[in-house]
């Protein structure tokens, strides 16, 4: 159950933060997203379980180890002028743009449902092929208090996404 809970938090942090980064910036295509997350209030994983995960080459979420994923962004997703709203079966997150310049953006995400709380994101772009930022969330997930702090970078790879499907930002 702990692994499922941690995986849910990791997936939420990976999706919530970088997806907003494309509002009005970036190129359509394949992107590498690297996130390093710290989680306060994370239930402690038994040392044996942690050792087993590491021996299988698995990253232990929330332990400060970077996780790299690939996402495919469509032309519509990168041309938006505001961060996307995020809704899923058990989440309802609203994104509010707090400030934006030609090279940076600040936003706030308020979530209700399985995730309850408020997140803050700051990001900066270097051209349309690289961005970096931070995301913090304070609230609860499935009733468990959570504080998540994430640093992330995004690097454009190529216009052809290959087998990677377009990113879904927790849509219906």
Protein backbone atom coordinates (compact mmCIF):
# COMPACT_ATOMS: atom_id res chain seq x y z
CA UNK A 1 0.00 0.00 0.00
CA UNK A 2 2.87 2.39 0.80
CA UNK A 3 4.35 1.87 -2.66
CA UNK A 4 0.94 2.58 -4.27
CA UNK A 5 0.50 5.73 -2.16
CA UNK A 6 4.03 6.97 -2.93
CA UNK A 7 3.55 6.21 -6.63
CA UNK A 8 0.33 8.25 -6.63
CA UNK A 9 2.07 11.21 -5.02
CA UNK A 10 4.99 10.96 -7.42
CA UNK A 11 2.72 10.79 -10.45
CA UNK A 12 0.72 13.77 -9.23
CA UNK A 13 3.83 15.87 -8.66
CA UNK A 14 5.34 14.91 -12.02
CA UNK A 15 2.15 15.77 -13.89
CA UNK A 16 1.01 18.84 -11.98
CA UNK A 17 4.20 20.85 -12.10
CA UNK A 18 5.69 20.43 -15.58
CA UNK A 19 2.40 20.37 -17.48
CA UNK A 20 1.74 23.96 -16.54
CA UNK A 21 5.14 24.94 -17.89
CA UNK A 22 4.01 24.76 -21.49
CA UNK A 23 1.42 27.51 -21.36
CA UNK A 24 2.45 29.72 -24.26
CA UNK A 25 6.01 28.35 -24.42
CA UNK A 26 7.91 25.42 -25.79
CA UNK A 27 7.77 23.29 -28.89
CA UNK A 28 5.35 20.51 -29.73
CA UNK A 29 6.98 17.12 -29.53
CA UNK A 30 8.92 14.89 -27.17
CA UNK A 31 10.29 16.32 -23.92
CA UNK A 32 12.46 14.83 -21.17
CA UNK A 33 11.25 15.93 -17.74
CA UNK A 34 13.53 15.39 -14.75
CA UNK A 35 12.01 15.88 -11.29
CA UNK A 36 13.60 15.68 -7.87
CA UNK A 37 11.03 15.49 -5.12
CA UNK A 38 11.18 15.74 -1.34
CA UNK A 39 8.17 14.74 0.74
CA UNK A 40 7.68 15.72 4.35
CA UNK A 41 5.27 13.52 6.30
CA UNK A 42 6.04 10.59 4.02
CA UNK A 43 5.24 7.33 5.80
CA UNK A 44 8.52 5.60 6.56
CA UNK A 45 9.31 2.69 4.31
CA UNK A 46 10.85 -0.31 6.07
CA UNK A 47 14.60 -0.58 5.30
CA UNK A 48 14.07 -4.05 3.77
CA UNK A 49 11.48 -2.71 1.30
CA UNK A 50 13.73 0.21 0.37
CA UNK A 51 16.70 -2.13 -0.18
CA UNK A 52 14.55 -4.44 -2.33
CA UNK A 53 13.39 -1.52 -4.51
CA UNK A 54 16.96 -0.24 -4.94
CA UNK A 55 18.23 -3.74 -5.78
CA UNK A 56 15.67 -3.91 -8.60
CA UNK A 57 16.83 -0.56 -9.96
CA UNK A 58 13.72 1.27 -8.81
CA UNK A 59 13.86 4.88 -7.64
CA UNK A 60 12.50 5.51 -4.19
CA UNK A 61 10.07 8.44 -4.56
CA UNK A 62 10.50 11.40 -2.26
CA UNK A 63 14.02 10.50 -1.27
CA UNK A 64 15.69 13.22 -3.33
CA UNK A 65 16.59 10.99 -6.26
CA UNK A 66 15.84 12.39 -9.72
CA UNK A 67 13.13 10.73 -11.81
CA UNK A 68 13.17 11.28 -15.57
CA UNK A 69 10.11 10.75 -17.72
CA UNK A 70 9.20 11.56 -21.30
CA UNK A 71 6.05 13.38 -22.31
CA UNK A 72 4.64 14.30 -25.70
CA UNK A 73 3.15 17.77 -26.02
CA UNK A 74 0.70 18.67 -28.80
CA UNK A 75 0.68 22.06 -30.61
CA UNK A 76 -2.53 22.96 -28.73
CA UNK A 77 -0.93 22.21 -25.37
CA UNK A 78 2.13 24.37 -25.97
CA UNK A 79 0.24 27.30 -27.51
CA UNK A 80 -2.16 27.93 -24.62
CA UNK A 81 -1.83 31.25 -22.84
CA UNK A 82 -2.73 29.92 -19.39
CA UNK A 83 -1.81 26.73 -17.53
CA UNK A 84 -4.30 23.91 -18.13
CA UNK A 85 -7.04 23.04 -15.66
CA UNK A 86 -6.47 19.62 -14.14
CA UNK A 87 -9.43 17.32 -13.55
CA UNK A 88 -9.54 13.58 -13.10
CA UNK A 89 -11.87 10.99 -11.69
CA UNK A 90 -10.82 11.77 -8.13
CA UNK A 91 -9.13 15.15 -8.50
CA UNK A 92 -10.39 18.60 -9.27
CA UNK A 93 -7.53 21.07 -9.50
CA UNK A 94 -7.82 24.68 -10.60
CA UNK A 95 -4.77 26.58 -11.79
CA UNK A 96 -4.52 30.32 -11.31
CA UNK A 97 -1.84 32.34 -13.07
CA UNK A 98 -0.27 34.71 -10.53
CA UNK A 99 2.22 36.42 -12.81
CA UNK A 100 3.99 35.94 -16.13
CA UNK A 101 6.80 37.58 -18.06
CA UNK A 102 8.36 36.59 -21.37
CA UNK A 103 10.70 34.20 -19.54
CA UNK A 104 8.97 33.17 -16.31
CA UNK A 105 5.66 32.28 -14.72
CA UNK A 106 4.18 31.90 -11.23
CA UNK A 107 0.99 29.96 -10.63
CA UNK A 108 -1.12 28.49 -7.86
CA UNK A 109 -2.97 25.17 -8.01
CA UNK A 110 -5.89 24.47 -5.66
CA UNK A 111 -7.01 20.83 -5.50
CA UNK A 112 -10.10 19.13 -4.08
CA UNK A 113 -10.92 15.44 -4.06
CA UNK A 114 -8.32 12.73 -3.49
CA UNK A 115 -5.77 15.55 -3.25
CA UNK A 116 -6.76 18.49 -1.03
CA UNK A 117 -4.54 21.52 -0.76
CA UNK A 118 -2.67 24.29 -2.49
CA UNK A 119 0.43 24.15 -4.66
CA UNK A 120 2.70 26.93 -5.88
CA UNK A 121 4.83 26.78 -8.99
CA UNK A 122 7.57 29.02 -10.35
CA UNK A 123 9.30 28.34 -13.63
CA UNK A 124 11.65 30.00 -16.05
CA UNK A 125 12.31 29.32 -19.72
CA UNK A 126 15.58 29.47 -21.62
CA UNK A 127 14.38 29.72 -25.19
CA UNK A 128 11.65 27.31 -26.28
CA UNK A 129 13.64 24.10 -25.67
CA UNK A 130 14.41 24.25 -21.93
CA UNK A 131 12.65 25.22 -18.72
CA UNK A 132 13.28 24.75 -15.02
CA UNK A 133 11.23 25.37 -11.96
CA UNK A 134 9.97 24.46 -8.54
CA UNK A 135 6.62 23.19 -7.29
CA UNK A 136 5.46 22.90 -3.70
CA UNK A 137 2.21 21.39 -2.46
CA UNK A 138 0.83 21.45 1.05
CA UNK A 139 -2.33 19.62 1.95
CA UNK A 140 -3.39 15.99 2.02
CA UNK A 141 -3.65 13.02 -0.29
CA UNK A 142 -6.21 10.37 0.51
CA UNK A 143 -6.51 11.89 3.99
CA UNK A 144 -2.76 11.78 4.74
CA UNK A 145 -1.04 15.15 5.42
CA UNK A 146 1.47 15.95 2.69
CA UNK A 147 4.15 18.49 1.94
CA UNK A 148 5.79 17.97 -1.42
CA UNK A 149 8.63 20.04 -2.80
CA UNK A 150 9.78 19.39 -6.36
CA UNK A 151 12.52 20.81 -8.57
CA UNK A 152 12.23 20.00 -12.24
CA UNK A 153 13.69 20.67 -15.65
CA UNK A 154 12.29 20.09 -19.10
CA UNK A 155 14.37 19.60 -22.22
CA UNK A 156 13.00 19.35 -25.74
CA UNK A 157 14.15 16.15 -27.52
CA UNK A 158 12.54 16.15 -30.98
CA UNK A 159 9.30 16.90 -32.84
CA UNK A 160 8.48 13.21 -33.41
CA UNK A 161 7.11 11.65 -30.22
CA UNK A 162 7.48 8.12 -31.56
CA UNK A 163 5.49 5.73 -29.35
CA UNK A 164 4.99 8.26 -26.53
CA UNK A 165 1.33 9.34 -26.50
CA UNK A 166 0.36 13.01 -26.01
CA UNK A 167 0.37 14.12 -22.39
CA UNK A 168 -2.93 13.95 -20.56
CA UNK A 169 -3.25 16.61 -17.91
CA UNK A 170 -5.73 14.66 -15.78
CA UNK A 171 -8.51 15.25 -18.30
CA UNK A 172 -11.95 13.60 -18.29
